[in-house]
Amino acid sequence: MHLVKKGGITVALDDRFKNSSVEWDFLAVSNSFTRDAELEAKQTGKPRGLVLELDDPRIRVWAKTWGQIIDECQGRLTFFKRGLEYEANDEHALRYLSNISDEYLSDEVRQKISKLAAE
């Protein structure tokens, strides 16, 4: 973890980024953590995975496993699907494609759109 912290700070302190309002989020991803890294990623009062946070310059370094990233993304996907109450299916896709110029569609897709329109 310490190498990640040092590398992130070095990039963020580069002269090319001085006097900018850039915020930096660095993410270290691994299949698993050592016990020390796991403890560092579970600090009290910080979101899980946040191992370093500085105010000036604004830098956050995160350490997560692939499993954590997948779980978080799955949670967001579920949230948006519920919020939008949208379920993708062939009919929705074909209705969308029917608004696209025919020259970009395959014969198979054109046929399916024609069949849908006839129904």
C-alpha atoms as a PDB file:
ATOM      1  CA  MET A   1       0.000   0.000   0.000  1.00  0.00           C
ATOM      2  CA  HIS A   2       2.742   2.453   0.806  1.00  0.00           C
ATOM      3  CA  LEU A   3       4.099   2.334  -2.742  1.00  0.00           C
ATOM      4  CA  VAL A   4       0.647   3.176  -4.077  1.00  0.00           C
ATOM      5  CA  LYS A   5       0.420   6.130  -1.728  1.00  0.00           C
ATOM      6  CA  LYS A   6       3.838   7.419  -2.711  1.00  0.00           C
ATOM      7  CA  GLY A   7       3.150   6.976  -6.426  1.00  0.00           C
ATOM      8  CA  GLY A   8      -0.200   8.765  -6.200  1.00  0.00           C
ATOM      9  CA  ILE A   9       1.226  11.705  -4.302  1.00  0.00           C
ATOM     10  CA  THR A  10       4.130  12.023  -6.753  1.00  0.00           C
ATOM     11  CA  VAL A  11       1.738  12.287  -9.696  1.00  0.00           C
ATOM     12  CA  ALA A  12      -0.604  14.698  -7.945  1.00  0.00           C
ATOM     13  CA  LEU A  13       2.286  16.969  -6.885  1.00  0.00           C
ATOM     14  CA  ASP A  14       3.660  17.204 -10.435  1.00  0.00           C
ATOM     15  CA  ASP A  15       4.261  20.854 -11.429  1.00  0.00           C
ATOM     16  CA  ARG A  16       1.938  20.482 -14.415  1.00  0.00           C
ATOM     17  CA  PHE A  17      -1.009  20.259 -12.013  1.00  0.00           C
ATOM     18  CA  LYS A  18      -0.098  23.095  -9.638  1.00  0.00           C
ATOM     19  CA  ASN A  19      -2.798  25.657  -8.931  1.00  0.00           C
ATOM     20  CA  SER A  20      -5.549  23.520 -10.397  1.00  0.00           C
ATOM     21  CA  SER A  21      -8.739  22.380  -8.743  1.00  0.00           C
ATOM     22  CA  VAL A  22      -8.172  18.782  -9.774  1.00  0.00           C
ATOM     23  CA  GLU A  23      -9.239  16.040  -7.379  1.00  0.00           C
ATOM     24  CA  TRP A  24      -7.336  12.773  -7.551  1.00  0.00           C
ATOM     25  CA  ASP A  25      -8.740   9.328  -6.887  1.00  0.00           C
ATOM     26  CA  PHE A  26      -6.239   6.492  -7.192  1.00  0.00           C
ATOM     27  CA  LEU A  27      -7.458   2.924  -7.070  1.00  0.00           C
ATOM     28  CA  ALA A  28      -5.324  -0.107  -6.228  1.00  0.00           C
ATOM     29  CA  VAL A  29      -7.068  -3.333  -7.217  1.00  0.00           C
ATOM     30  CA  SER A  30      -6.079  -6.845  -6.231  1.00  0.00           C
ATOM     31  CA  ASN A  31      -7.525 -10.336  -6.019  1.00  0.00           C
ATOM     32  CA  SER A  32      -6.821 -10.354  -2.288  1.00  0.00           C
ATOM     33  CA  PHE A  33      -5.063  -8.324   0.413  1.00  0.00           C
ATOM     34  CA  THR A  34      -2.484  -9.092   3.025  1.00  0.00           C
ATOM     35  CA  ARG A  35      -3.785  -8.855   6.592  1.00  0.00           C
ATOM     36  CA  ASP A  36      -2.095  -5.437   7.032  1.00  0.00           C
ATOM     37  CA  ALA A  37      -3.603  -4.102   3.815  1.00  0.00           C
ATOM     38  CA  GLU A  38      -7.039  -5.408   4.826  1.00  0.00           C
ATOM     39  CA  LEU A  39      -6.804  -3.560   8.153  1.00  0.00           C
ATOM     40  CA  GLU A  40      -5.636  -0.387   6.430  1.00  0.00           C
ATOM     41  CA  ALA A  41      -8.653  -0.557   4.102  1.00  0.00           C
ATOM     42  CA  LYS A  42     -11.056  -0.802   7.085  1.00  0.00           C
ATOM     43  CA  GLN A  43     -10.263   2.368   9.011  1.00  0.00           C
ATOM     44  CA  THR A  44     -12.858   3.628  11.461  1.00  0.00           C
ATOM     45  CA  GLY A  45     -14.710   6.687  10.224  1.00  0.00           C
ATOM     46  CA  LYS A  46     -13.700   6.222   6.580  1.00  0.00           C
ATOM     47  CA  PRO A  47     -15.507   4.531   3.713  1.00  0.00           C
ATOM     48  CA  ARG A  48     -14.320   0.956   3.201  1.00  0.00           C
ATOM     49  CA  GLY A  49     -11.255   0.898   1.004  1.00  0.00           C
ATOM     50  CA  LEU A  50     -10.152   4.511   1.576  1.00  0.00           C
ATOM     51  CA  VAL A  51      -6.532   4.224   2.703  1.00  0.00           C
ATOM     52  CA  LEU A  52      -5.365   7.824   2.270  1.00  0.00           C
ATOM     53  CA  GLU A  53      -7.123  11.179   2.038  1.00  0.00           C
ATOM     54  CA  LEU A  54      -5.425  14.575   1.748  1.00  0.00           C
ATOM     55  CA  ASP A  55      -6.994  18.017   1.415  1.00  0.00           C
ATOM     56  CA  ASP A  56      -4.288  19.966  -0.409  1.00  0.00           C
ATOM     57  CA  PRO A  57      -3.900  18.719  -3.030  1.00  0.00           C
ATOM     58  CA  ARG A  58      -7.178  16.800  -2.927  1.00  0.00           C
ATOM     59  CA  ILE A  59      -6.085  13.136  -3.102  1.00  0.00           C
ATOM     60  CA  ARG A  60      -7.872   9.940  -2.218  1.00  0.00           C
ATOM     61  CA  VAL A  61      -6.259   6.508  -2.497  1.00  0.00           C
ATOM     62  CA  TRP A  62      -8.546   3.490  -2.493  1.00  0.00           C
ATOM     63  CA  ALA A  63      -7.669  -0.198  -2.177  1.00  0.00           C
ATOM     64  CA  LYS A  64     -10.294  -2.728  -3.219  1.00  0.00           C
ATOM     65  CA  THR A  65     -10.537  -6.297  -4.338  1.00  0.00           C
ATOM     66  CA  TRP A  66     -12.151  -7.233  -7.621  1.00  0.00           C
ATOM     67  CA  GLY A  67     -14.945  -8.833  -5.609  1.00  0.00           C
ATOM     68  CA  GLN A  68     -15.687  -5.563  -3.818  1.00  0.00           C
ATOM     69  CA  ILE A  69     -15.753  -3.645  -7.104  1.00  0.00           C
ATOM     70  CA  ILE A  70     -18.137  -6.164  -8.678  1.00  0.00           C
ATOM     71  CA  ASP A  71     -20.424  -6.092  -5.618  1.00  0.00           C
ATOM     72  CA  GLU A  72     -20.523  -2.275  -5.640  1.00  0.00           C
ATOM     73  CA  CYS A  73     -21.275  -2.146  -9.356  1.00  0.00           C
ATOM     74  CA  GLN A  74     -23.975  -4.798  -9.003  1.00  0.00           C
ATOM     75  CA  GLY A  75     -25.558  -2.727  -6.246  1.00  0.00           C
ATOM     76  CA  ARG A  76     -25.551   0.422  -8.387  1.00  0.00           C
ATOM     77  CA  LEU A  77     -26.976  -1.476 -11.356  1.00  0.00           C
ATOM     78  CA  THR A  78     -29.825  -2.809  -9.208  1.00  0.00           C
ATOM     79  CA  PHE A  79     -30.494   0.684  -7.847  1.00  0.00           C
ATOM     80  CA  PHE A  80     -30.700   2.240 -11.327  1.00  0.00           C
ATOM     81  CA  LYS A  81     -32.798  -0.583 -12.756  1.00  0.00           C
ATOM     82  CA  ARG A  82     -35.306  -0.182  -9.936  1.00  0.00           C
ATOM     83  CA  GLY A  83     -35.245   3.592 -10.212  1.00  0.00           C
ATOM     84  CA  LEU A  84     -35.772   3.579 -13.935  1.00  0.00           C
ATOM     85  CA  GLU A  85     -38.098   0.579 -13.878  1.00  0.00           C
ATOM     86  CA  TYR A  86     -36.634  -0.293 -17.244  1.00  0.00           C
ATOM     87  CA  GLU A  87     -36.286  -3.797 -18.475  1.00  0.00           C
ATOM     88  CA  ALA A  88     -34.345  -4.203 -21.684  1.00  0.00           C
ATOM     89  CA  ASN A  89     -35.813  -6.651 -24.162  1.00  0.00           C
ATOM     90  CA  ASP A  90     -35.833  -7.291 -27.890  1.00  0.00           C
ATOM     91  CA  GLU A  91     -38.973  -5.239 -28.478  1.00  0.00           C
ATOM     92  CA  HIS A  92     -37.519  -2.115 -26.842  1.00  0.00           C
ATOM     93  CA  ALA A  93     -34.270  -2.565 -28.743  1.00  0.00           C
ATOM     94  CA  LEU A  94     -36.044  -3.006 -32.086  1.00  0.00           C
ATOM     95  CA  ARG A  95     -38.263   0.039 -31.490  1.00  0.00           C
ATOM     96  CA  TYR A  96     -35.125   2.077 -30.796  1.00  0.00           C
ATOM     97  CA  LEU A  97     -33.385   0.707 -33.899  1.00  0.00           C
ATOM     98  CA  SER A  98     -36.409   1.538 -36.044  1.00  0.00           C
ATOM     99  CA  ASN A  99     -35.477   5.215 -35.655  1.00  0.00           C
ATOM    100  CA  ILE A 100     -32.048   4.621 -37.158  1.00  0.00           C
ATOM    101  CA  SER A 101     -31.394   4.916 -40.867  1.00  0.00           C
ATOM    102  CA  ASP A 102     -31.907   1.562 -42.595  1.00  0.00           C
ATOM    103  CA  GLU A 103     -28.487   1.680 -44.216  1.00  0.00           C
ATOM    104  CA  TYR A 104     -26.876   0.930 -40.850  1.00  0.00           C
ATOM    105  CA  LEU A 105     -29.052  -2.090 -40.069  1.00  0.00           C
ATOM    106  CA  SER A 106     -28.566  -5.679 -41.134  1.00  0.00           C
ATOM    107  CA  ASP A 107     -31.209  -7.465 -43.204  1.00  0.00           C
ATOM    108  CA  GLU A 108     -32.068  -9.602 -40.179  1.00  0.00           C
ATOM    109  CA  VAL A 109     -32.720  -6.538 -38.005  1.00  0.00           C
ATOM    110  CA  ARG A 110     -34.776  -4.876 -40.764  1.00  0.00           C
ATOM    111  CA  GLN A 111     -36.937  -8.004 -40.997  1.00  0.00           C
ATOM    112  CA  LYS A 112     -37.479  -8.105 -37.237  1.00  0.00           C
ATOM    113  CA  ILE A 113     -38.462  -4.425 -37.223  1.00  0.00           C
ATOM    114  CA  SER A 114     -40.931  -5.012 -40.074  1.00  0.00           C
ATOM    115  CA  LYS A 115     -42.440  -7.964 -38.202  1.00  0.00           C
ATOM    116  CA  LEU A 116     -42.776  -5.868 -35.030  1.00  0.00           C
ATOM    117  CA  ALA A 117     -44.448  -3.032 -36.958  1.00  0.00           C
ATOM    118  CA  ALA A 118     -46.923  -5.483 -38.496  1.00  0.00           C
ATOM    119  CA  GLU A 119     -48.028  -6.765 -35.071  1.00  0.00           C
END
